[in-house]
Amino acid sequence: MNKVYQTDEITVRLLETSDETTLVKWLSDPEVLQYYEGRDQPHDLERVRENFYNQEDAASRCIVEYSGRPIGYIQFYELEAEERAAYGYGKKDGMIYGTDQFIGEPDCWNKGIGTQLVQSMTSYLVQQKQARKVVMDPQAWNERALSCYEKCGFRRVKQLPQHELHEGQMRDCWLMEYTP
């Protein structure tokens, strides 16, 4: 297992080929898609391979396990110059990491697991990757995500109008930032 880090209950490990079917299960569930990718974007095996495995970027794509059970996905990456500029960051801001995540098992929602995940990943990025800031850009309507991230010390720093296509509409997002 290619472990990135582990806490008492959470293990974050790099995505393996054997995780394809789990991603298909999560990303074809309308309940999950309502929050991640959109219900009009169900993923089959080909689409999972295209979006999660055959990428040329430097993102670290990971499976989240809770007490040994795969329950979600997280990716982290150093912000590229284009994203830094779009978000209003300059060179003086230092190393900035972004994350995207979802819990793919609805029975694990509203139990504090997402908060544990975001706190542990943020800690990992600051301590192990020397991140000066950690950012994410959840959709503005997703109160559950916004609340989770704020509990973890992130703050809303900039509204991003019409930032992400979701279920056929361009949606507003919030740039959220954690600064240690």
Protein backbone atom coordinates (compact mmCIF):
# COMPACT_ATOMS: atom_id res chain seq x y z
CA MET A 1 0.00 0.00 0.00
CA ASN A 2 1.33 3.39 -0.99
CA LYS A 3 0.41 5.30 2.18
CA VAL A 4 0.57 9.11 2.20
CA TYR A 5 -0.28 9.40 5.91
CA GLN A 6 -2.32 7.79 8.66
CA THR A 7 -4.08 9.00 11.82
CA ASP A 8 -5.88 6.85 14.40
CA GLU A 9 -8.87 6.23 12.10
CA ILE A 10 -8.00 7.77 8.73
CA THR A 11 -5.54 6.44 6.17
CA VAL A 12 -4.85 8.40 3.00
CA ARG A 13 -3.12 6.32 0.32
CA LEU A 14 -2.33 6.80 -3.33
CA LEU A 15 -4.93 5.60 -5.81
CA GLU A 16 -4.31 2.09 -7.14
CA THR A 17 -5.71 0.43 -10.26
CA SER A 18 -7.79 -1.84 -8.02
CA ASP A 19 -9.70 1.25 -6.80
CA GLU A 20 -11.35 1.81 -10.21
CA THR A 21 -14.54 -0.11 -9.39
CA THR A 22 -14.92 1.70 -6.06
CA LEU A 23 -14.68 5.07 -7.83
CA VAL A 24 -17.25 3.92 -10.41
CA LYS A 25 -19.60 2.90 -7.56
CA TRP A 26 -19.25 6.29 -5.85
CA LEU A 27 -19.35 8.37 -9.02
CA SER A 28 -22.44 6.69 -10.40
CA ASP A 29 -24.43 7.24 -7.18
CA PRO A 30 -26.80 10.24 -7.65
CA GLU A 31 -26.61 11.01 -3.93
CA VAL A 32 -22.81 11.50 -4.19
CA LEU A 33 -22.97 13.16 -7.61
CA GLN A 34 -25.32 15.80 -6.25
CA TYR A 35 -22.26 17.24 -4.46
CA TYR A 36 -19.31 16.08 -6.59
CA GLU A 37 -19.26 16.22 -10.41
CA GLY A 38 -23.07 16.53 -10.77
CA ARG A 39 -25.91 14.04 -11.25
CA ASP A 40 -25.68 14.60 -15.01
CA GLN A 41 -22.07 13.31 -14.98
CA PRO A 42 -22.20 9.66 -13.88
CA HIS A 43 -18.88 7.87 -14.34
CA ASP A 44 -18.40 4.47 -15.90
CA LEU A 45 -15.05 2.65 -15.90
CA GLU A 46 -13.82 4.47 -19.03
CA ARG A 47 -14.63 7.88 -17.57
CA VAL A 48 -13.02 7.03 -14.20
CA ARG A 49 -9.83 5.97 -16.01
CA GLU A 50 -9.88 9.16 -18.08
CA ASN A 51 -10.49 11.53 -15.13
CA PHE A 52 -8.56 9.85 -12.33
CA TYR A 53 -5.81 7.74 -13.88
CA ASN A 54 -4.80 9.10 -17.30
CA GLN A 55 -3.86 12.60 -16.19
CA GLU A 56 -0.71 14.54 -17.03
CA ASP A 57 -0.80 16.86 -14.02
CA ALA A 58 1.14 16.61 -10.76
CA ALA A 59 -1.85 16.03 -8.47
CA SER A 60 -1.61 13.26 -5.89
CA ARG A 61 -4.84 11.27 -6.18
CA CYS A 62 -5.74 9.29 -3.08
CA ILE A 63 -8.28 6.97 -1.51
CA VAL A 64 -9.45 7.77 2.01
CA GLU A 65 -9.95 4.83 4.33
CA TYR A 66 -11.77 5.08 7.64
CA SER A 67 -11.00 2.24 10.06
CA GLY A 68 -9.68 0.26 7.08
CA ARG A 69 -12.76 0.79 4.86
CA PRO A 70 -12.44 2.85 1.64
CA ILE A 71 -14.94 5.70 2.09
CA GLY A 72 -13.76 8.57 -0.08
CA TYR A 73 -11.36 10.34 -2.37
CA ILE A 74 -8.99 13.27 -1.93
CA GLN A 75 -6.47 14.88 -4.22
CA PHE A 76 -3.86 17.49 -3.40
CA TYR A 77 -1.58 19.53 -5.62
CA GLU A 78 0.64 22.57 -5.61
CA LEU A 79 -1.20 25.46 -7.29
CA GLU A 80 0.10 26.19 -10.79
CA ALA A 81 0.83 29.76 -11.96
CA GLU A 82 -2.52 29.99 -13.81
CA GLU A 83 -4.56 29.07 -10.70
CA ARG A 84 -2.46 31.33 -8.48
CA ALA A 85 -3.17 34.26 -10.79
CA ALA A 86 -6.91 33.46 -11.04
CA TYR A 87 -7.15 33.33 -7.24
CA GLY A 88 -5.10 36.52 -6.79
CA TYR A 89 -1.91 34.99 -5.36
CA GLY A 90 1.59 36.18 -6.19
CA LYS A 91 5.10 34.82 -5.69
CA LYS A 92 5.32 36.34 -2.20
CA ASP A 93 2.52 34.04 -1.00
CA GLY A 94 4.92 31.06 -1.01
CA MET A 95 3.94 27.43 -1.52
CA ILE A 96 0.15 27.02 -1.89
CA TYR A 97 -1.59 23.65 -2.06
CA GLY A 98 -5.13 22.94 -3.19
CA THR A 99 -7.33 19.98 -2.30
CA ASP A 100 -10.55 18.45 -3.63
CA GLN A 101 -12.35 15.70 -1.77
CA PHE A 102 -15.56 13.80 -1.31
CA ILE A 103 -16.88 11.06 0.91
CA GLY A 104 -18.38 8.46 -1.41
CA GLU A 105 -20.21 6.44 1.24
CA PRO A 106 -23.35 8.38 2.27
CA ASP A 107 -23.60 6.36 5.52
CA CYS A 108 -20.36 8.14 6.54
CA TRP A 109 -21.83 11.63 6.06
CA ASN A 110 -22.61 13.91 9.02
CA LYS A 111 -20.39 11.95 11.41
CA GLY A 112 -17.39 14.30 11.56
CA ILE A 113 -15.26 12.13 9.26
CA GLY A 114 -14.97 14.88 6.63
CA THR A 115 -13.76 17.27 9.32
CA GLN A 116 -11.15 14.73 10.47
CA LEU A 117 -10.05 14.23 6.86
CA VAL A 118 -9.70 17.95 6.07
CA GLN A 119 -7.90 18.66 9.37
CA SER A 120 -5.45 15.78 8.88
CA MET A 121 -4.76 16.63 5.21
CA THR A 122 -4.24 20.31 6.05
CA SER A 123 -1.84 19.32 8.82
CA TYR A 124 0.02 16.98 6.45
CA LEU A 125 0.37 19.69 3.78
CA VAL A 126 1.63 22.29 6.25
CA GLN A 127 4.01 19.99 8.14
CA GLN A 128 5.25 17.65 5.40
CA LYS A 129 4.92 19.77 2.24
CA GLN A 130 5.67 23.17 3.84
CA ALA A 131 2.46 24.71 2.50
CA ARG A 132 2.14 28.39 3.43
CA LYS A 133 -1.55 28.26 2.50
CA VAL A 134 -4.05 25.51 1.68
CA VAL A 135 -7.01 26.43 -0.53
CA MET A 136 -10.19 24.91 -1.91
CA ASP A 137 -13.09 26.23 -3.96
CA PRO A 138 -16.39 24.64 -2.92
CA GLN A 139 -19.63 25.67 -4.59
CA ALA A 140 -21.35 28.50 -2.75
CA TRP A 141 -24.62 26.54 -2.29
CA ASN A 142 -22.89 23.60 -0.54
CA GLU A 143 -23.43 24.69 3.07
CA ARG A 144 -22.34 21.34 4.51
CA ALA A 145 -18.93 21.60 2.83
CA LEU A 146 -18.52 25.29 3.72
CA SER A 147 -19.36 24.55 7.36
CA CYS A 148 -16.92 21.62 7.49
CA TYR A 149 -14.06 23.67 6.04
CA GLU A 150 -14.74 26.60 8.38
CA LYS A 151 -14.66 24.20 11.36
CA CYS A 152 -11.21 23.20 10.12
CA GLY A 153 -9.92 26.78 10.17
CA PHE A 154 -10.53 27.74 6.54
CA ARG A 155 -12.05 31.12 5.83
CA ARG A 156 -13.96 32.44 2.84
CA VAL A 157 -11.62 34.89 1.12
CA LYS A 158 -13.08 35.51 -2.32
CA GLN A 159 -16.31 34.82 -4.18
CA LEU A 160 -15.63 33.12 -7.53
CA PRO A 161 -18.65 33.93 -9.76
CA GLN A 162 -19.67 31.33 -12.37
CA HIS A 163 -16.56 29.29 -11.48
CA GLU A 164 -17.64 25.67 -11.98
CA LEU A 165 -20.01 23.84 -14.30
CA HIS A 166 -22.37 21.69 -12.22
CA GLU A 167 -25.51 20.01 -13.52
CA GLY A 168 -25.67 22.21 -16.61
CA GLN A 169 -25.17 25.56 -14.85
CA MET A 170 -22.13 27.66 -14.10
CA ARG A 171 -22.06 27.85 -10.30
CA ASP A 172 -20.54 30.39 -7.94
CA CYS A 173 -17.83 29.08 -5.64
CA TRP A 174 -15.92 30.37 -2.64
CA LEU A 175 -12.16 30.48 -2.53
CA MET A 176 -11.46 29.20 0.98
CA GLU A 177 -8.05 29.53 2.53
CA TYR A 178 -6.23 28.05 5.50
CA THR A 179 -3.13 29.90 6.68
CA PRO A 180 -1.16 28.28 9.53
